[in-house]
C-alpha atoms as a PDB file:
ATOM      1  CA  MET A   1      53.454  12.619  12.099  1.00  0.00           C
ATOM      2  CA  PHE A   2      52.791   9.753   9.686  1.00  0.00           C
ATOM      3  CA  LYS A   3      53.210   6.308  11.117  1.00  0.00           C
ATOM      4  CA  ALA A   4      54.339   3.700   8.650  1.00  0.00           C
ATOM      5  CA  THR A   5      52.748   0.302   8.511  1.00  0.00           C
ATOM      6  CA  LYS A   6      54.748  -2.910   8.290  1.00  0.00           C
ATOM      7  CA  ASN A   7      55.313  -2.459   4.582  1.00  0.00           C
ATOM      8  CA  GLY A   8      56.027   1.305   4.872  1.00  0.00           C
ATOM      9  CA  ARG A   9      52.916   2.373   2.983  1.00  0.00           C
ATOM     10  CA  GLY A  10      50.952   4.027   5.798  1.00  0.00           C
ATOM     11  CA  ALA A  11      50.621   7.454   4.195  1.00  0.00           C
ATOM     12  CA  ALA A  12      49.691   6.006   0.805  1.00  0.00           C
ATOM     13  CA  ASP A  13      47.039   3.767   2.389  1.00  0.00           C
ATOM     14  CA  ARG A  14      45.560   6.691   4.318  1.00  0.00           C
ATOM     15  CA  LEU A  15      45.505   8.799   1.144  1.00  0.00           C
ATOM     16  CA  ARG A  16      43.701   6.032  -0.758  1.00  0.00           C
ATOM     17  CA  LYS A  17      41.186   5.701   2.072  1.00  0.00           C
ATOM     18  CA  PHE A  18      40.641   9.475   2.161  1.00  0.00           C
ATOM     19  CA  LEU A  19      40.140   9.669  -1.620  1.00  0.00           C
ATOM     20  CA  SER A  20      37.711   6.766  -1.417  1.00  0.00           C
ATOM     21  CA  MET A  21      35.745   8.616   1.271  1.00  0.00           C
ATOM     22  CA  VAL A  22      35.665  11.794  -0.835  1.00  0.00           C
ATOM     23  CA  LYS A  23      34.479   9.847  -3.883  1.00  0.00           C
ATOM     24  CA  GLY A  24      31.773   8.196  -1.788  1.00  0.00           C
ATOM     25  CA  TYR A  25      30.630  11.585  -0.518  1.00  0.00           C
ATOM     26  CA  PHE A  26      30.225  12.980  -4.021  1.00  0.00           C
ATOM     27  CA  VAL A  27      28.352   9.851  -5.109  1.00  0.00           C
ATOM     28  CA  ARG A  28      25.941  10.160  -2.147  1.00  0.00           C
ATOM     29  CA  GLU A  29      25.620  13.963  -2.511  1.00  0.00           C
ATOM     30  CA  PRO A  30      25.534  14.653  -6.273  1.00  0.00           C
ATOM     31  CA  GLY A  31      24.959  18.400  -5.922  1.00  0.00           C
ATOM     32  CA  ALA A  32      27.870  18.995  -3.572  1.00  0.00           C
ATOM     33  CA  ALA A  33      30.432  19.518  -6.342  1.00  0.00           C
ATOM     34  CA  PHE A  34      28.246  22.161  -7.991  1.00  0.00           C
ATOM     35  CA  ILE A  35      27.755  23.960  -4.686  1.00  0.00           C
ATOM     36  CA  ILE A  36      31.515  23.938  -4.060  1.00  0.00           C
ATOM     37  CA  VAL A  37      32.053  25.468  -7.527  1.00  0.00           C
ATOM     38  CA  PHE A  38      29.438  28.092  -6.634  1.00  0.00           C
ATOM     39  CA  ASP A  39      31.409  28.949  -3.490  1.00  0.00           C
ATOM     40  CA  ALA A  40      34.623  29.320  -5.479  1.00  0.00           C
ATOM     41  CA  LEU A  41      32.952  31.496  -8.109  1.00  0.00           C
ATOM     42  CA  ILE A  42      31.352  33.791  -5.561  1.00  0.00           C
ATOM     43  CA  PHE A  43      34.708  34.103  -3.805  1.00  0.00           C
ATOM     44  CA  SER A  44      36.349  35.097  -7.101  1.00  0.00           C
ATOM     45  CA  CYS A  45      33.458  37.471  -7.711  1.00  0.00           C
ATOM     46  CA  ALA A  46      34.296  39.252  -4.462  1.00  0.00           C
ATOM     47  CA  PHE A  47      37.938  39.586  -5.554  1.00  0.00           C
ATOM     48  CA  SER A  48      36.826  41.040  -8.884  1.00  0.00           C
ATOM     49  CA  LEU A  49      34.718  43.606  -7.062  1.00  0.00           C
ATOM     50  CA  VAL A  50      37.642  44.535  -4.815  1.00  0.00           C
ATOM     51  CA  ARG A  51      39.766  45.074  -7.920  1.00  0.00           C
ATOM     52  CA  GLY A  52      37.020  47.278  -9.342  1.00  0.00           C
ATOM     53  CA  ASP A  53      36.058  45.045 -12.263  1.00  0.00           C
ATOM     54  CA  GLU A  54      32.285  45.105 -11.824  1.00  0.00           C
ATOM     55  CA  ALA A  55      31.527  43.704 -15.280  1.00  0.00           C
ATOM     56  CA  LEU A  56      33.636  40.594 -14.649  1.00  0.00           C
ATOM     57  CA  ALA A  57      32.162  40.209 -11.163  1.00  0.00           C
ATOM     58  CA  SER A  58      28.658  40.313 -12.616  1.00  0.00           C
ATOM     59  CA  GLU A  59      29.507  37.656 -15.220  1.00  0.00           C
ATOM     60  CA  ILE A  60      31.083  35.395 -12.600  1.00  0.00           C
ATOM     61  CA  ALA A  61      28.076  35.828 -10.311  1.00  0.00           C
ATOM     62  CA  VAL A  62      25.670  34.728 -13.059  1.00  0.00           C
ATOM     63  CA  TYR A  63      27.619  31.518 -13.660  1.00  0.00           C
ATOM     64  CA  GLY A  64      27.983  30.997  -9.923  1.00  0.00           C
ATOM     65  CA  TYR A  65      24.253  31.145  -9.338  1.00  0.00           C
ATOM     66  CA  LEU A  66      23.656  28.740 -12.220  1.00  0.00           C
ATOM     67  CA  PHE A  67      25.941  26.243 -10.479  1.00  0.00           C
ATOM     68  CA  LEU A  68      24.055  26.840  -7.234  1.00  0.00           C
ATOM     69  CA  VAL A  69      20.693  26.135  -8.869  1.00  0.00           C
ATOM     70  CA  VAL A  70      21.977  22.919 -10.446  1.00  0.00           C
ATOM     71  CA  GLY A  71      23.506  21.828  -7.132  1.00  0.00           C
ATOM     72  CA  VAL A  72      20.375  22.490  -5.110  1.00  0.00           C
ATOM     73  CA  VAL A  73      18.155  20.721  -7.655  1.00  0.00           C
ATOM     74  CA  LEU A  74      20.457  17.679  -7.634  1.00  0.00           C
ATOM     75  CA  GLN A  75      20.479  17.633  -3.826  1.00  0.00           C
ATOM     76  CA  ALA A  76      16.678  17.847  -3.733  1.00  0.00           C
ATOM     77  CA  LEU A  77      16.313  15.023  -6.255  1.00  0.00           C
ATOM     78  CA  SER A  78      18.780  12.936  -4.277  1.00  0.00           C
ATOM     79  CA  ALA A  79      16.818  13.518  -1.069  1.00  0.00           C
ATOM     80  CA  VAL A  80      13.537  12.552  -2.724  1.00  0.00           C
ATOM     81  CA  LYS A  81      15.139   9.449  -4.236  1.00  0.00           C
ATOM     82  CA  SER A  82      16.605   8.337  -0.917  1.00  0.00           C
ATOM     83  CA  GLU A  83      13.295   8.870   0.882  1.00  0.00           C
ATOM     84  CA  ALA A  84      11.470   6.913  -1.812  1.00  0.00           C
ATOM     85  CA  SER A  85      13.925   4.037  -1.525  1.00  0.00           C
ATOM     86  CA  ARG A  86      13.278   3.916   2.232  1.00  0.00           C
ATOM     87  CA  GLY A  87       9.506   3.971   1.578  1.00  0.00           C
ATOM     88  CA  GLU A  88       8.875   7.312   3.305  1.00  0.00           C
ATOM     89  CA  VAL A  89       7.221   9.124   0.392  1.00  0.00           C
ATOM     90  CA  GLY A  90       3.433   9.019   0.302  1.00  0.00           C
END
């Protein structure tokens, strides 16, 4: 499954490369982390509703939507900034 390189560090090198790619993604897309947290919170909200704890589900949903708003605003600002740096904004 994992092929080793000459020095036997193939898996470690691939992991470093993967983590570098993930870090680069979150630097390019600053709102992505907040949107992922929103997804996790809404998922836990659904579990709370299944268990019958509507008060907890409501609280989780409020925090989830706050994370969504922050994430979308950051994504929008990032898009405007990248367009401005390319000279596409008016």
